[in-house]
């Protein structure tokens, strides 16, 4: 059994999507709450546009979105 731990992040990220047919842009704001280690797996807990529900995604997927610049940290 692994110890469960969590690191608070509290950082906002934005995802901007472009529709080339209409030349419209849309954006989503994600608030990263924390990165948790649960039973040996890393997950990132996220809130979308200040909604009450949480989305949990694998850390590897979150990292991929950052590295490919699909998700960008708000300053």
C-alpha atoms as a PDB file:
ATOM      1  CA  UNK A   1       0.000   0.000   0.000  1.00  0.00           C
ATOM      2  CA  UNK A   2       1.252   3.455  -0.903  1.00  0.00           C
ATOM      3  CA  UNK A   3       0.862   6.618   1.100  1.00  0.00           C
ATOM      4  CA  UNK A   4      -1.610   9.095  -0.362  1.00  0.00           C
ATOM      5  CA  UNK A   5      -0.321  12.649  -0.546  1.00  0.00           C
ATOM      6  CA  UNK A   6      -1.276  15.839  -2.289  1.00  0.00           C
ATOM      7  CA  UNK A   7       0.592  18.977  -3.363  1.00  0.00           C
ATOM      8  CA  UNK A   8      -1.486  22.134  -3.673  1.00  0.00           C
ATOM      9  CA  UNK A   9      -0.984  23.980  -6.991  1.00  0.00           C
ATOM     10  CA  UNK A  10      -3.793  26.580  -7.272  1.00  0.00           C
ATOM     11  CA  UNK A  11      -2.788  27.840 -10.731  1.00  0.00           C
ATOM     12  CA  UNK A  12      -4.987  28.845 -13.668  1.00  0.00           C
ATOM     13  CA  UNK A  13      -4.421  27.535 -17.184  1.00  0.00           C
ATOM     14  CA  UNK A  14      -6.116  28.414 -20.452  1.00  0.00           C
ATOM     15  CA  UNK A  15      -6.883  26.302 -23.498  1.00  0.00           C
ATOM     16  CA  UNK A  16      -7.558  28.258 -26.684  1.00  0.00           C
ATOM     17  CA  UNK A  17      -9.210  26.556 -29.611  1.00  0.00           C
ATOM     18  CA  UNK A  18      -9.378  27.937 -33.131  1.00  0.00           C
ATOM     19  CA  UNK A  19     -11.983  27.053 -35.733  1.00  0.00           C
ATOM     20  CA  UNK A  20     -10.323  27.735 -39.118  1.00  0.00           C
ATOM     21  CA  UNK A  21     -13.619  27.587 -40.994  1.00  0.00           C
ATOM     22  CA  UNK A  22     -15.255  30.402 -39.085  1.00  0.00           C
ATOM     23  CA  UNK A  23     -12.065  32.080 -37.824  1.00  0.00           C
ATOM     24  CA  UNK A  24     -13.539  31.977 -34.321  1.00  0.00           C
ATOM     25  CA  UNK A  25     -11.601  31.407 -31.133  1.00  0.00           C
ATOM     26  CA  UNK A  26     -12.953  29.923 -27.945  1.00  0.00           C
ATOM     27  CA  UNK A  27     -11.200  29.485 -24.659  1.00  0.00           C
ATOM     28  CA  UNK A  28     -11.609  27.474 -21.492  1.00  0.00           C
ATOM     29  CA  UNK A  29     -10.111  28.388 -18.158  1.00  0.00           C
ATOM     30  CA  UNK A  30      -8.954  25.524 -15.936  1.00  0.00           C
ATOM     31  CA  UNK A  31      -7.986  25.951 -12.296  1.00  0.00           C
ATOM     32  CA  UNK A  32      -5.496  23.298 -11.216  1.00  0.00           C
ATOM     33  CA  UNK A  33      -6.204  22.490  -7.583  1.00  0.00           C
ATOM     34  CA  UNK A  34      -3.580  19.914  -6.729  1.00  0.00           C
ATOM     35  CA  UNK A  35      -1.449  17.005  -7.839  1.00  0.00           C
ATOM     36  CA  UNK A  36      -2.174  13.864  -5.848  1.00  0.00           C
ATOM     37  CA  UNK A  37      -0.295  10.610  -5.434  1.00  0.00           C
ATOM     38  CA  UNK A  38      -2.850   7.867  -4.831  1.00  0.00           C
ATOM     39  CA  UNK A  39      -1.746   4.236  -4.638  1.00  0.00           C
ATOM     40  CA  UNK A  40       1.324   4.929  -6.755  1.00  0.00           C
ATOM     41  CA  UNK A  41      -0.492   6.921  -9.447  1.00  0.00           C
ATOM     42  CA  UNK A  42      -0.242  10.661 -10.028  1.00  0.00           C
ATOM     43  CA  UNK A  43      -3.435  12.543 -10.852  1.00  0.00           C
ATOM     44  CA  UNK A  44      -4.140  16.230 -11.363  1.00  0.00           C
ATOM     45  CA  UNK A  45      -7.391  17.621  -9.942  1.00  0.00           C
ATOM     46  CA  UNK A  46      -8.840  20.438 -12.042  1.00  0.00           C
ATOM     47  CA  UNK A  47     -11.889  22.699 -11.957  1.00  0.00           C
ATOM     48  CA  UNK A  48     -13.255  24.002 -15.256  1.00  0.00           C
ATOM     49  CA  UNK A  49     -14.463  27.629 -15.383  1.00  0.00           C
ATOM     50  CA  UNK A  50     -15.010  27.789 -11.597  1.00  0.00           C
ATOM     51  CA  UNK A  51     -17.588  24.994 -11.609  1.00  0.00           C
ATOM     52  CA  UNK A  52     -17.956  22.983  -8.417  1.00  0.00           C
ATOM     53  CA  UNK A  53     -17.167  19.628  -9.987  1.00  0.00           C
ATOM     54  CA  UNK A  54     -13.623  18.344 -10.267  1.00  0.00           C
ATOM     55  CA  UNK A  55     -11.985  16.631 -13.188  1.00  0.00           C
ATOM     56  CA  UNK A  56      -9.183  14.198 -12.382  1.00  0.00           C
ATOM     57  CA  UNK A  57      -6.722  13.483 -15.178  1.00  0.00           C
ATOM     58  CA  UNK A  58      -3.543  11.416 -15.173  1.00  0.00           C
ATOM     59  CA  UNK A  59      -0.446  13.524 -14.589  1.00  0.00           C
ATOM     60  CA  UNK A  60       1.045  12.231 -17.856  1.00  0.00           C
ATOM     61  CA  UNK A  61      -1.908  13.628 -19.850  1.00  0.00           C
ATOM     62  CA  UNK A  62      -1.681  16.982 -18.050  1.00  0.00           C
ATOM     63  CA  UNK A  63       2.062  17.132 -18.757  1.00  0.00           C
ATOM     64  CA  UNK A  64       1.452  16.304 -22.443  1.00  0.00           C
ATOM     65  CA  UNK A  65      -1.034  19.201 -22.731  1.00  0.00           C
ATOM     66  CA  UNK A  66       1.519  21.579 -21.198  1.00  0.00           C
ATOM     67  CA  UNK A  67       4.416  20.348 -23.349  1.00  0.00           C
ATOM     68  CA  UNK A  68       2.404  20.622 -26.573  1.00  0.00           C
ATOM     69  CA  UNK A  69       1.202  24.083 -25.495  1.00  0.00           C
ATOM     70  CA  UNK A  70      -2.440  23.095 -25.757  1.00  0.00           C
ATOM     71  CA  UNK A  71      -2.707  24.234 -22.152  1.00  0.00           C
ATOM     72  CA  UNK A  72      -0.926  27.434 -21.120  1.00  0.00           C
ATOM     73  CA  UNK A  73      -0.360  28.879 -17.671  1.00  0.00           C
ATOM     74  CA  UNK A  74      -2.099  32.203 -17.048  1.00  0.00           C
ATOM     75  CA  UNK A  75       0.185  34.849 -15.612  1.00  0.00           C
END
